[in-house]
Amino acid sequence: MEKAQIGRPREFDAEEALQKAMVVFWEQGYEGASLADLTERMGISRKSMYAAFGNKEELFRKALQRYTDGTASYAAKALAAATAREVAEAFLAGSVRANTQPGCPAGCLGVQGALAVGETGRIARDILADWRAWGQGLLRDRFQRAVQEGDLPAGADPDLISRYVMTIANGMAVQAAGGAAREDLQRVADAALRSWPPA
């Protein structure tokens, strides 16, 4: 009979642990999420966390990618809509749903994750600023295509329109974190689209 290995690392589901880490960052932000909070919620030791995910910054990047591929996947789907207005409509509706998802923290990890940061949170602030700029860039490129195809007027400014849509979405995330109801946020999204430029 073989002896059990001494010091054998505890086995855990890495995907489940990452999901739990994502929720901690979403609830507490990068700076507010201590390693103790993270490892306790993930159900692993600090050593196991470092071995599986790297340091806190690397864990945050992986958690943000998981959020992008899961909760925030509405953004990529919205880009496939037939018209620019439908893209904006799907993007804002997806944002409303993601910000008010039952069983999840209210708001958006990409917005709340680094709103109030000191020096130690600067990394997350920069990561999330890049993440939001990347999303806005995807919208801008899609709206540029809409101008070229005649779906948006020739004089429309794709950069301004993408910034407008992203600003509405980010503002709704802050509102959701403050307790705004899904129905109220959807009314905001609907109101924002009333000023959409005609083709």
N, C-alpha and C. Protein backbone atom coordinates (compact mmCIF):
# COMPACT_ATOMS: atom_id res chain seq x y z
N MET A 1 0.84 -1.19 0.00
CA MET A 1 0.00 0.00 0.00
C MET A 1 0.88 1.25 0.00
N GLU A 2 0.62 2.15 -0.95
CA GLU A 2 1.45 3.36 -1.05
C GLU A 2 1.05 4.37 0.00
N LYS A 3 2.05 5.05 0.51
CA LYS A 3 1.77 6.13 1.46
C LYS A 3 1.25 7.34 0.70
N ALA A 4 0.33 8.07 1.31
CA ALA A 4 -0.16 9.32 0.70
C ALA A 4 0.99 10.31 0.64
N GLN A 5 1.07 11.03 -0.43
CA GLN A 5 2.15 12.02 -0.58
C GLN A 5 1.96 13.15 0.42
N ILE A 6 3.05 13.49 1.07
CA ILE A 6 2.99 14.60 2.02
C ILE A 6 3.15 15.90 1.24
N GLY A 7 2.36 16.87 1.57
CA GLY A 7 2.45 18.17 0.91
C GLY A 7 1.86 18.18 -0.48
N ARG A 8 1.06 17.18 -0.81
CA ARG A 8 0.42 17.13 -2.12
C ARG A 8 -0.55 18.31 -2.26
N PRO A 9 -0.47 19.04 -3.37
CA PRO A 9 -1.36 20.21 -3.51
C PRO A 9 -2.82 19.80 -3.56
N ARG A 10 -3.65 20.62 -2.95
CA ARG A 10 -5.08 20.37 -2.94
C ARG A 10 -5.62 20.51 -4.36
N GLU A 11 -6.45 19.57 -4.76
CA GLU A 11 -7.02 19.65 -6.09
C GLU A 11 -8.25 20.54 -6.06
N PHE A 12 -8.43 21.32 -7.12
CA PHE A 12 -9.59 22.20 -7.21
C PHE A 12 -9.92 22.43 -8.67
N ASP A 13 -11.13 22.90 -8.90
CA ASP A 13 -11.59 23.20 -10.25
C ASP A 13 -11.14 24.62 -10.59
N ALA A 14 -10.18 24.75 -11.49
CA ALA A 14 -9.61 26.06 -11.81
C ALA A 14 -10.65 27.01 -12.40
N GLU A 15 -11.56 26.48 -13.22
CA GLU A 15 -12.58 27.33 -13.84
C GLU A 15 -13.54 27.88 -12.78
N GLU A 16 -13.91 27.02 -11.86
CA GLU A 16 -14.81 27.44 -10.78
C GLU A 16 -14.11 28.47 -9.88
N ALA A 17 -12.84 28.23 -9.59
CA ALA A 17 -12.07 29.17 -8.75
C ALA A 17 -11.95 30.53 -9.45
N LEU A 18 -11.72 30.52 -10.76
CA LEU A 18 -11.61 31.77 -11.51
C LEU A 18 -12.93 32.52 -11.53
N GLN A 19 -14.03 31.78 -11.67
CA GLN A 19 -15.35 32.39 -11.63
C GLN A 19 -15.57 33.11 -10.29
N LYS A 20 -15.17 32.46 -9.22
CA LYS A 20 -15.33 33.05 -7.89
C LYS A 20 -14.45 34.28 -7.72
N ALA A 21 -13.24 34.23 -8.25
CA ALA A 21 -12.35 35.39 -8.20
C ALA A 21 -12.94 36.55 -8.98
N MET A 22 -13.52 36.25 -10.14
CA MET A 22 -14.15 37.29 -10.95
C MET A 22 -15.23 38.02 -10.15
N VAL A 23 -16.04 37.26 -9.43
CA VAL A 23 -17.12 37.87 -8.65
C VAL A 23 -16.56 38.74 -7.53
N VAL A 24 -15.48 38.31 -6.89
CA VAL A 24 -14.85 39.12 -5.84
C VAL A 24 -14.37 40.45 -6.42
N PHE A 25 -13.68 40.41 -7.56
CA PHE A 25 -13.22 41.65 -8.19
C PHE A 25 -14.40 42.53 -8.60
N TRP A 26 -15.46 41.90 -9.07
CA TRP A 26 -16.66 42.62 -9.51
C TRP A 26 -17.31 43.32 -8.31
N GLU A 27 -17.37 42.63 -7.19
CA GLU A 27 -17.99 43.19 -5.98
C GLU A 27 -17.13 44.27 -5.32
N GLN A 28 -15.83 43.99 -5.22
CA GLN A 28 -14.95 44.81 -4.38
C GLN A 28 -13.98 45.69 -5.15
N GLY A 29 -13.89 45.49 -6.47
CA GLY A 29 -12.88 46.21 -7.24
C GLY A 29 -11.52 45.56 -7.05
N TYR A 30 -10.57 45.98 -7.86
CA TYR A 30 -9.23 45.39 -7.79
C TYR A 30 -8.57 45.67 -6.46
N GLU A 31 -8.60 46.93 -6.07
CA GLU A 31 -7.90 47.33 -4.86
C GLU A 31 -8.57 46.77 -3.61
N GLY A 32 -9.90 46.74 -3.61
CA GLY A 32 -10.63 46.26 -2.44
C GLY A 32 -10.55 44.77 -2.24
N ALA A 33 -10.24 44.02 -3.29
CA ALA A 33 -10.17 42.56 -3.21
C ALA A 33 -8.80 42.15 -2.68
N SER A 34 -8.74 41.78 -1.42
CA SER A 34 -7.46 41.35 -0.84
C SER A 34 -7.17 39.91 -1.24
N LEU A 35 -5.91 39.52 -1.13
CA LEU A 35 -5.55 38.14 -1.43
C LEU A 35 -6.28 37.18 -0.50
N ALA A 36 -6.49 37.60 0.75
CA ALA A 36 -7.22 36.76 1.71
C ALA A 36 -8.67 36.57 1.24
N ASP A 37 -9.31 37.66 0.79
CA ASP A 37 -10.68 37.56 0.27
C ASP A 37 -10.73 36.63 -0.93
N LEU A 38 -9.80 36.81 -1.83
CA LEU A 38 -9.78 36.03 -3.06
C LEU A 38 -9.58 34.54 -2.79
N THR A 39 -8.55 34.22 -2.02
CA THR A 39 -8.25 32.80 -1.78
C THR A 39 -9.34 32.14 -0.95
N GLU A 40 -9.92 32.87 -0.02
CA GLU A 40 -11.01 32.29 0.78
C GLU A 40 -12.21 31.96 -0.10
N ARG A 41 -12.60 32.91 -0.96
CA ARG A 41 -13.75 32.69 -1.83
C ARG A 41 -13.45 31.60 -2.86
N MET A 42 -12.21 31.57 -3.34
CA MET A 42 -11.83 30.57 -4.33
C MET A 42 -11.67 29.19 -3.72
N GLY A 43 -11.52 29.14 -2.40
CA GLY A 43 -11.36 27.86 -1.71
C GLY A 43 -10.00 27.23 -1.91
N ILE A 44 -8.97 28.08 -2.09
CA ILE A 44 -7.62 27.56 -2.31
C ILE A 44 -6.62 28.34 -1.46
N SER A 45 -5.43 27.80 -1.34
CA SER A 45 -4.37 28.48 -0.60
C SER A 45 -3.74 29.55 -1.49
N ARG A 46 -3.02 30.45 -0.87
CA ARG A 46 -2.33 31.49 -1.63
C ARG A 46 -1.31 30.86 -2.58
N LYS A 47 -0.63 29.82 -2.09
CA LYS A 47 0.37 29.13 -2.91
C LYS A 47 -0.29 28.52 -4.15
N SER A 48 -1.45 27.90 -3.96
CA SER A 48 -2.17 27.30 -5.10
C SER A 48 -2.63 28.38 -6.08
N MET A 49 -3.05 29.52 -5.53
CA MET A 49 -3.50 30.62 -6.39
C MET A 49 -2.34 31.09 -7.29
N TYR A 50 -1.17 31.30 -6.66
CA TYR A 50 -0.01 31.75 -7.44
C TYR A 50 0.38 30.70 -8.48
N ALA A 51 0.34 29.43 -8.09
CA ALA A 51 0.74 28.36 -9.02
C ALA A 51 -0.22 28.27 -10.20
N ALA A 52 -1.52 28.46 -9.94
CA ALA A 52 -2.52 28.28 -11.00
C ALA A 52 -2.76 29.55 -11.82
N PHE A 53 -2.68 30.71 -11.17
CA PHE A 53 -3.11 31.94 -11.84
C PHE A 53 -2.06 33.05 -11.87
N GLY A 54 -0.95 32.87 -11.19
CA GLY A 54 0.04 33.94 -11.13
C GLY A 54 -0.29 34.91 -10.01
N ASN A 55 0.22 36.13 -10.12
CA ASN A 55 -0.01 37.12 -9.06
C ASN A 55 -1.41 37.75 -9.19
N LYS A 56 -1.70 38.70 -8.34
CA LYS A 56 -3.03 39.31 -8.31
C LYS A 56 -3.37 39.98 -9.65
N GLU A 57 -2.40 40.66 -10.24
CA GLU A 57 -2.65 41.32 -11.53
C GLU A 57 -3.00 40.30 -12.61
N GLU A 58 -2.25 39.19 -12.65
CA GLU A 58 -2.53 38.16 -13.66
C GLU A 58 -3.89 37.52 -13.42
N LEU A 59 -4.23 37.30 -12.14
CA LEU A 59 -5.54 36.76 -11.80
C LEU A 59 -6.64 37.71 -12.25
N PHE A 60 -6.42 39.00 -12.05
CA PHE A 60 -7.40 40.00 -12.46
C PHE A 60 -7.58 40.00 -13.98
N ARG A 61 -6.48 39.92 -14.71
CA ARG A 61 -6.56 39.88 -16.17
C ARG A 61 -7.36 38.65 -16.64
N LYS A 62 -7.10 37.52 -16.00
CA LYS A 62 -7.83 36.29 -16.36
C LYS A 62 -9.31 36.41 -15.99
N ALA A 63 -9.59 37.02 -14.85
CA ALA A 63 -10.98 37.21 -14.43
C ALA A 63 -11.70 38.15 -15.40
N LEU A 64 -11.01 39.20 -15.85
CA LEU A 64 -11.60 40.14 -16.79
C LEU A 64 -11.87 39.46 -18.13
N GLN A 65 -10.97 38.58 -18.55
CA GLN A 65 -11.19 37.83 -19.79
C GLN A 65 -12.41 36.92 -19.66
N ARG A 66 -12.55 36.31 -18.49
CA ARG A 66 -13.71 35.45 -18.25
C ARG A 66 -14.99 36.28 -18.30
N TYR A 67 -14.94 37.47 -17.72
CA TYR A 67 -16.09 38.38 -17.75
C TYR A 67 -16.42 38.78 -19.19
N THR A 68 -15.40 39.07 -19.97
CA THR A 68 -15.56 39.45 -21.38
C THR A 68 -16.22 38.33 -22.18
N ASP A 69 -15.77 37.11 -21.94
CA ASP A 69 -16.27 35.95 -22.67
C ASP A 69 -17.64 35.49 -22.18
N GLY A 70 -18.00 35.87 -20.96
CA GLY A 70 -19.26 35.44 -20.38
C GLY A 70 -20.26 36.57 -20.27
N THR A 71 -20.28 37.23 -19.14
CA THR A 71 -21.27 38.28 -18.85
C THR A 71 -21.28 39.37 -19.92
N ALA A 72 -20.10 39.79 -20.38
CA ALA A 72 -20.02 40.90 -21.34
C ALA A 72 -19.99 40.43 -22.79
N SER A 73 -20.30 39.17 -23.05
CA SER A 73 -20.25 38.67 -24.43
C SER A 73 -21.34 39.29 -25.31
N TYR A 74 -22.30 39.97 -24.68
CA TYR A 74 -23.34 40.66 -25.46
C TYR A 74 -22.71 41.67 -26.42
N ALA A 75 -21.57 42.24 -26.05
CA ALA A 75 -20.93 43.28 -26.88
C ALA A 75 -20.52 42.71 -28.23
N ALA A 76 -19.85 41.57 -28.22
CA ALA A 76 -19.41 40.95 -29.48
C ALA A 76 -20.62 40.54 -30.32
N LYS A 77 -21.65 40.02 -29.68
CA LYS A 77 -22.86 39.60 -30.41
C LYS A 77 -23.55 40.80 -31.05
N ALA A 78 -23.57 41.93 -30.33
CA ALA A 78 -24.24 43.13 -30.84
C ALA A 78 -23.61 43.62 -32.14
N LEU A 79 -22.31 43.45 -32.29
CA LEU A 79 -21.61 43.93 -33.48
C LEU A 79 -22.08 43.25 -34.75
N ALA A 80 -22.69 42.08 -34.61
CA ALA A 80 -23.15 41.32 -35.78
C ALA A 80 -24.54 41.75 -36.26
N ALA A 81 -25.18 42.68 -35.55
CA ALA A 81 -26.52 43.13 -35.96
C ALA A 81 -26.47 43.77 -37.34
N ALA A 82 -27.60 43.75 -38.02
CA ALA A 82 -27.66 44.17 -39.43
C ALA A 82 -27.40 45.65 -39.64
N THR A 83 -27.90 46.50 -38.75
CA THR A 83 -27.74 47.95 -38.92
C THR A 83 -27.03 48.55 -37.71
N ALA A 84 -26.49 49.75 -37.91
CA ALA A 84 -25.79 50.44 -36.82
C ALA A 84 -26.73 50.69 -35.64
N ARG A 85 -27.96 51.09 -35.95
CA ARG A 85 -28.92 51.32 -34.86
C ARG A 85 -29.19 50.03 -34.09
N GLU A 86 -29.33 48.92 -34.81
CA GLU A 86 -29.56 47.63 -34.15
C GLU A 86 -28.34 47.21 -33.32
N VAL A 87 -27.14 47.57 -33.79
CA VAL A 87 -25.93 47.32 -33.01
C VAL A 87 -26.02 48.06 -31.68
N ALA A 88 -26.33 49.36 -31.76
CA ALA A 88 -26.42 50.18 -30.54
C ALA A 88 -27.53 49.67 -29.63
N GLU A 89 -28.66 49.32 -30.23
CA GLU A 89 -29.79 48.83 -29.44
C GLU A 89 -29.43 47.54 -28.71
N ALA A 90 -28.82 46.60 -29.42
CA ALA A 90 -28.42 45.32 -28.81
C ALA A 90 -27.34 45.52 -27.77
N PHE A 91 -26.41 46.44 -28.04
CA PHE A 91 -25.32 46.72 -27.10
C PHE A 91 -25.88 47.28 -25.79
N LEU A 92 -26.77 48.25 -25.89
CA LEU A 92 -27.32 48.87 -24.69
C LEU A 92 -28.26 47.92 -23.94
N ALA A 93 -29.04 47.16 -24.67
CA ALA A 93 -29.93 46.17 -24.02
C ALA A 93 -29.10 45.10 -23.31
N GLY A 94 -28.02 44.68 -23.95
CA GLY A 94 -27.12 43.70 -23.32
C GLY A 94 -26.47 44.26 -22.07
N SER A 95 -26.10 45.52 -22.14
CA SER A 95 -25.51 46.19 -20.98
C SER A 95 -26.51 46.24 -19.82
N VAL A 96 -27.75 46.56 -20.12
CA VAL A 96 -28.79 46.61 -19.09
C VAL A 96 -28.91 45.23 -18.43
N ARG A 97 -28.98 44.18 -19.23
CA ARG A 97 -29.13 42.82 -18.68
C ARG A 97 -27.92 42.44 -17.84
N ALA A 98 -26.72 42.71 -18.36
CA ALA A 98 -25.49 42.33 -17.64
C ALA A 98 -25.36 43.09 -16.32
N ASN A 99 -25.77 44.35 -16.32
CA ASN A 99 -25.65 45.18 -15.12
C ASN A 99 -26.64 44.80 -14.02
N THR A 100 -27.70 44.09 -14.41
CA THR A 100 -28.76 43.77 -13.46
C THR A 100 -29.05 42.27 -13.43
N GLN A 101 -28.03 41.47 -13.65
CA GLN A 101 -28.18 40.02 -13.74
C GLN A 101 -28.44 39.42 -12.36
N PRO A 102 -29.55 38.69 -12.20
CA PRO A 102 -29.83 38.07 -10.90
C PRO A 102 -28.70 37.14 -10.47
N GLY A 103 -28.34 37.20 -9.21
CA GLY A 103 -27.28 36.33 -8.68
C GLY A 103 -25.88 36.84 -8.92
N CYS A 104 -25.75 38.02 -9.55
CA CYS A 104 -24.44 38.62 -9.81
C CYS A 104 -24.39 40.00 -9.18
N PRO A 105 -23.20 40.53 -8.95
CA PRO A 105 -23.10 41.91 -8.45
C PRO A 105 -23.74 42.87 -9.46
N ALA A 106 -24.32 43.95 -8.97
CA ALA A 106 -24.90 44.97 -9.86
C ALA A 106 -23.78 45.79 -10.48
N GLY A 107 -24.03 46.27 -11.70
CA GLY A 107 -23.03 47.09 -12.38
C GLY A 107 -22.12 46.25 -13.26
N CYS A 108 -21.00 46.84 -13.64
CA CYS A 108 -20.08 46.23 -14.61
C CYS A 108 -18.69 46.12 -14.00
N LEU A 109 -18.10 44.94 -14.09
CA LEU A 109 -16.73 44.76 -13.60
C LEU A 109 -15.78 45.75 -14.27
N GLY A 110 -16.00 45.99 -15.57
CA GLY A 110 -15.12 46.87 -16.32
C GLY A 110 -15.23 48.33 -15.93
N VAL A 111 -16.31 48.71 -15.27
CA VAL A 111 -16.49 50.09 -14.81
C VAL A 111 -16.19 50.19 -13.32
N GLN A 112 -16.80 49.32 -12.52
CA GLN A 112 -16.63 49.40 -11.07
C GLN A 112 -15.27 48.91 -10.59
N GLY A 113 -14.61 48.08 -11.39
CA GLY A 113 -13.38 47.44 -10.96
C GLY A 113 -12.29 48.38 -10.51
N ALA A 114 -12.29 49.61 -11.00
CA ALA A 114 -11.21 50.54 -10.64
C ALA A 114 -11.69 51.98 -10.57
N LEU A 115 -12.92 52.19 -10.09
CA LEU A 115 -13.43 53.56 -10.00
C LEU A 115 -12.67 54.38 -8.96
N ALA A 116 -12.49 53.83 -7.79
CA ALA A 116 -11.79 54.55 -6.72
C ALA A 116 -10.51 53.80 -6.41
N VAL A 117 -9.40 54.30 -6.93
CA VAL A 117 -8.14 53.58 -6.73
C VAL A 117 -7.04 54.50 -6.25
N GLY A 118 -6.19 53.92 -5.42
CA GLY A 118 -4.96 54.60 -5.02
C GLY A 118 -3.83 54.07 -5.87
N GLU A 119 -2.63 54.21 -5.37
CA GLU A 119 -1.45 53.80 -6.13
C GLU A 119 -1.47 52.31 -6.45
N THR A 120 -1.93 51.49 -5.49
CA THR A 120 -1.90 50.04 -5.71
C THR A 120 -2.94 49.60 -6.73
N GLY A 121 -3.95 50.43 -6.97
CA GLY A 121 -4.97 50.06 -7.94
C GLY A 121 -4.75 50.63 -9.32
N ARG A 122 -3.63 51.34 -9.50
CA ARG A 122 -3.36 51.99 -10.79
C ARG A 122 -3.27 50.97 -11.93
N ILE A 123 -2.74 49.79 -11.62
CA ILE A 123 -2.62 48.74 -12.64
C ILE A 123 -3.99 48.40 -13.18
N ALA A 124 -4.94 48.16 -12.26
CA ALA A 124 -6.30 47.79 -12.68
C ALA A 124 -6.97 48.94 -13.42
N ARG A 125 -6.74 50.16 -12.97
CA ARG A 125 -7.33 51.31 -13.65
C ARG A 125 -6.89 51.35 -15.10
N ASP A 126 -5.60 51.12 -15.33
CA ASP A 126 -5.06 51.15 -16.69
C ASP A 126 -5.56 49.97 -17.52
N ILE A 127 -5.62 48.78 -16.90
CA ILE A 127 -6.13 47.59 -17.60
C ILE A 127 -7.56 47.84 -18.05
N LEU A 128 -8.39 48.39 -17.15
CA LEU A 128 -9.80 48.59 -17.46
C LEU A 128 -10.01 49.75 -18.43
N ALA A 129 -9.17 50.77 -18.36
CA ALA A 129 -9.26 51.86 -19.33
C ALA A 129 -8.98 51.31 -20.73
N ASP A 130 -7.98 50.44 -20.84
CA ASP A 130 -7.66 49.81 -22.13
C ASP A 130 -8.81 48.91 -22.59
N TRP A 131 -9.42 48.19 -21.64
CA TRP A 131 -10.53 47.28 -21.96
C TRP A 131 -11.72 48.06 -22.50
N ARG A 132 -12.06 49.18 -21.85
CA ARG A 132 -13.18 49.99 -22.31
C ARG A 132 -12.86 50.63 -23.66
N ALA A 133 -11.61 51.08 -23.84
CA ALA A 133 -11.20 51.68 -25.13
C ALA A 133 -11.26 50.64 -26.25
N TRP A 134 -10.90 49.40 -25.94
CA TRP A 134 -10.98 48.31 -26.92
C TRP A 134 -12.43 48.11 -27.36
N GLY A 135 -13.35 48.06 -26.40
CA GLY A 135 -14.76 47.90 -26.71
C GLY A 135 -15.29 49.06 -27.54
N GLN A 136 -14.89 50.26 -27.18
CA GLN A 136 -15.32 51.44 -27.93
C GLN A 136 -14.75 51.40 -29.34
N GLY A 137 -13.52 50.91 -29.48
CA GLY A 137 -12.90 50.79 -30.80
C GLY A 137 -13.66 49.83 -31.70
N LEU A 138 -14.14 48.73 -31.12
CA LEU A 138 -14.93 47.77 -31.91
C LEU A 138 -16.22 48.43 -32.41
N LEU A 139 -16.87 49.19 -31.54
CA LEU A 139 -18.08 49.91 -31.95
C LEU A 139 -17.76 50.93 -33.03
N ARG A 140 -16.66 51.68 -32.84
CA ARG A 140 -16.28 52.70 -33.81
C ARG A 140 -16.05 52.09 -35.19
N ASP A 141 -15.34 50.96 -35.23
CA ASP A 141 -15.07 50.30 -36.51
C ASP A 141 -16.36 49.84 -37.17
N ARG A 142 -17.28 49.34 -36.35
CA ARG A 142 -18.57 48.88 -36.91
C ARG A 142 -19.38 50.07 -37.45
N PHE A 143 -19.34 51.19 -36.73
CA PHE A 143 -20.08 52.37 -37.19
C PHE A 143 -19.41 53.00 -38.40
N GLN A 144 -18.10 52.88 -38.50
CA GLN A 144 -17.38 53.35 -39.70
C GLN A 144 -17.85 52.56 -40.92
N ARG A 145 -18.00 51.25 -40.72
CA ARG A 145 -18.50 50.41 -41.81
C ARG A 145 -19.91 50.84 -42.20
N ALA A 146 -20.72 51.19 -41.20
CA ALA A 146 -22.10 51.62 -41.46
C ALA A 146 -22.12 52.90 -42.30
N VAL A 147 -21.16 53.80 -42.06
CA VAL A 147 -21.07 55.02 -42.87
C VAL A 147 -20.72 54.66 -44.31
N GLN A 148 -19.74 53.76 -44.46
CA GLN A 148 -19.30 53.36 -45.80
C GLN A 148 -20.43 52.66 -46.57
N GLU A 149 -21.28 51.95 -45.85
CA GLU A 149 -22.38 51.21 -46.49
C GLU A 149 -23.63 52.06 -46.68
N GLY A 150 -23.61 53.31 -46.17
CA GLY A 150 -24.76 54.19 -46.30
C GLY A 150 -25.84 53.96 -45.25
N ASP A 151 -25.54 53.12 -44.26
CA ASP A 151 -26.47 52.85 -43.18
C ASP A 151 -26.50 54.02 -42.18
N LEU A 152 -25.38 54.73 -42.07
CA LEU A 152 -25.30 55.98 -41.32
C LEU A 152 -25.00 57.09 -42.32
N PRO A 153 -25.45 58.32 -42.03
CA PRO A 153 -25.19 59.42 -42.97
C PRO A 153 -23.70 59.65 -43.21
N ALA A 154 -23.37 60.15 -44.38
CA ALA A 154 -21.97 60.36 -44.75
C ALA A 154 -21.25 61.27 -43.76
N GLY A 155 -21.97 62.22 -43.17
CA GLY A 155 -21.34 63.15 -42.23
C GLY A 155 -21.29 62.66 -40.79
N ALA A 156 -21.77 61.43 -40.54
CA ALA A 156 -21.78 60.90 -39.17
C ALA A 156 -20.35 60.67 -38.69
N ASP A 157 -20.12 60.85 -37.40
CA ASP A 157 -18.80 60.68 -36.80
C ASP A 157 -18.79 59.37 -36.01
N PRO A 158 -18.22 58.30 -36.57
CA PRO A 158 -18.22 57.00 -35.90
C PRO A 158 -17.58 57.04 -34.51
N ASP A 159 -16.52 57.84 -34.36
CA ASP A 159 -15.85 57.93 -33.06
C ASP A 159 -16.79 58.55 -32.02
N LEU A 160 -17.48 59.61 -32.39
CA LEU A 160 -18.40 60.28 -31.47
C LEU A 160 -19.58 59.37 -31.13
N ILE A 161 -20.12 58.68 -32.13
CA ILE A 161 -21.27 57.80 -31.89
C ILE A 161 -20.88 56.64 -30.98
N SER A 162 -19.70 56.07 -31.21
CA SER A 162 -19.25 54.96 -30.35
C SER A 162 -19.00 55.46 -28.93
N ARG A 163 -18.45 56.65 -28.79
CA ARG A 163 -18.21 57.23 -27.46
C ARG A 163 -19.54 57.49 -26.76
N TYR A 164 -20.52 57.96 -27.51
CA TYR A 164 -21.86 58.23 -26.96
C TYR A 164 -22.48 56.94 -26.42
N VAL A 165 -22.47 55.88 -27.23
CA VAL A 165 -23.06 54.59 -26.82
C VAL A 165 -22.33 54.04 -25.60
N MET A 166 -20.99 54.11 -25.61
CA MET A 166 -20.21 53.59 -24.49
C MET A 166 -20.45 54.41 -23.22
N THR A 167 -20.59 55.72 -23.37
CA THR A 167 -20.84 56.57 -22.20
C THR A 167 -22.19 56.24 -21.57
N ILE A 168 -23.21 56.02 -22.40
CA ILE A 168 -24.52 55.62 -21.88
C ILE A 168 -24.40 54.29 -21.14
N ALA A 169 -23.72 53.33 -21.74
CA ALA A 169 -23.56 52.01 -21.12
C ALA A 169 -22.82 52.11 -19.80
N ASN A 170 -21.72 52.88 -19.77
CA ASN A 170 -20.95 53.02 -18.53
C ASN A 170 -21.76 53.74 -17.46
N GLY A 171 -22.52 54.75 -17.86
CA GLY A 171 -23.37 55.45 -16.90
C GLY A 171 -24.44 54.55 -16.32
N MET A 172 -25.00 53.68 -17.16
CA MET A 172 -26.00 52.74 -16.67
C MET A 172 -25.38 51.75 -15.68
N ALA A 173 -24.12 51.40 -15.89
CA ALA A 173 -23.44 50.49 -14.95
C ALA A 173 -23.32 51.14 -13.57
N VAL A 174 -22.98 52.42 -13.56
CA VAL A 174 -22.88 53.14 -12.28
C VAL A 174 -24.25 53.23 -11.63
N GLN A 175 -25.28 53.52 -12.43
CA GLN A 175 -26.65 53.58 -11.91
C GLN A 175 -27.08 52.23 -11.33
N ALA A 176 -26.77 51.16 -12.04
CA ALA A 176 -27.13 49.81 -11.57
C ALA A 176 -26.46 49.51 -10.24
N ALA A 177 -25.17 49.86 -10.13
CA ALA A 177 -24.45 49.62 -8.88
C ALA A 177 -25.07 50.41 -7.73
N GLY A 178 -25.73 51.51 -8.06
CA GLY A 178 -26.41 52.32 -7.05
C GLY A 178 -27.83 51.86 -6.77
N GLY A 179 -28.26 50.78 -7.44
CA GLY A 179 -29.57 50.21 -7.13
C GLY A 179 -30.65 50.45 -8.16
N ALA A 180 -30.33 51.06 -9.31
CA ALA A 180 -31.35 51.30 -10.34
C ALA A 180 -31.91 49.98 -10.85
N ALA A 181 -33.21 49.96 -11.11
CA ALA A 181 -33.88 48.75 -11.59
C ALA A 181 -33.65 48.56 -13.08
N ARG A 182 -33.75 47.32 -13.53
CA ARG A 182 -33.56 46.98 -14.94
C ARG A 182 -34.50 47.80 -15.83
N GLU A 183 -35.75 47.91 -15.42
CA GLU A 183 -36.74 48.62 -16.23
C GLU A 183 -36.35 50.09 -16.41
N ASP A 184 -35.84 50.71 -15.35
CA ASP A 184 -35.43 52.12 -15.43
C ASP A 184 -34.24 52.29 -16.36
N LEU A 185 -33.31 51.36 -16.29
CA LEU A 185 -32.13 51.44 -17.17
C LEU A 185 -32.52 51.22 -18.62
N GLN A 186 -33.46 50.33 -18.86
CA GLN A 186 -33.90 50.10 -20.24
C GLN A 186 -34.57 51.35 -20.80
N ARG A 187 -35.27 52.07 -19.95
CA ARG A 187 -35.88 53.33 -20.39
C ARG A 187 -34.80 54.35 -20.78
N VAL A 188 -33.71 54.36 -20.04
CA VAL A 188 -32.58 55.24 -20.37
C VAL A 188 -32.00 54.84 -21.73
N ALA A 189 -31.80 53.54 -21.93
CA ALA A 189 -31.27 53.05 -23.22
C ALA A 189 -32.19 53.44 -24.36
N ASP A 190 -33.49 53.27 -24.15
CA ASP A 190 -34.46 53.62 -25.20
C ASP A 190 -34.41 55.11 -25.51
N ALA A 191 -34.30 55.92 -24.46
CA ALA A 191 -34.25 57.38 -24.64
C ALA A 191 -32.98 57.78 -25.41
N ALA A 192 -31.87 57.11 -25.11
CA ALA A 192 -30.60 57.43 -25.79
C ALA A 192 -30.71 57.18 -27.29
N LEU A 193 -31.48 56.17 -27.67
CA LEU A 193 -31.59 55.82 -29.10
C LEU A 193 -32.54 56.74 -29.86
N ARG A 194 -33.31 57.54 -29.15
CA ARG A 194 -34.23 58.45 -29.85
C ARG A 194 -33.48 59.51 -30.63
N SER A 195 -32.26 59.79 -30.25
CA SER A 195 -31.47 60.81 -30.96
C SER A 195 -30.56 60.17 -32.02
N TRP A 196 -30.83 58.93 -32.39
CA TRP A 196 -29.98 58.23 -33.37
C TRP A 196 -30.06 58.92 -34.72
N PRO A 197 -28.92 59.12 -35.37
CA PRO A 197 -28.96 59.82 -36.67
C PRO A 197 -29.68 59.02 -37.73
N PRO A 198 -30.55 59.66 -38.50
CA PRO A 198 -31.25 58.93 -39.57
C PRO A 198 -30.28 58.57 -40.70
N ALA A 199 -30.59 57.50 -41.41
CA ALA A 199 -29.71 57.06 -42.52
C ALA A 199 -29.78 58.06 -43.67
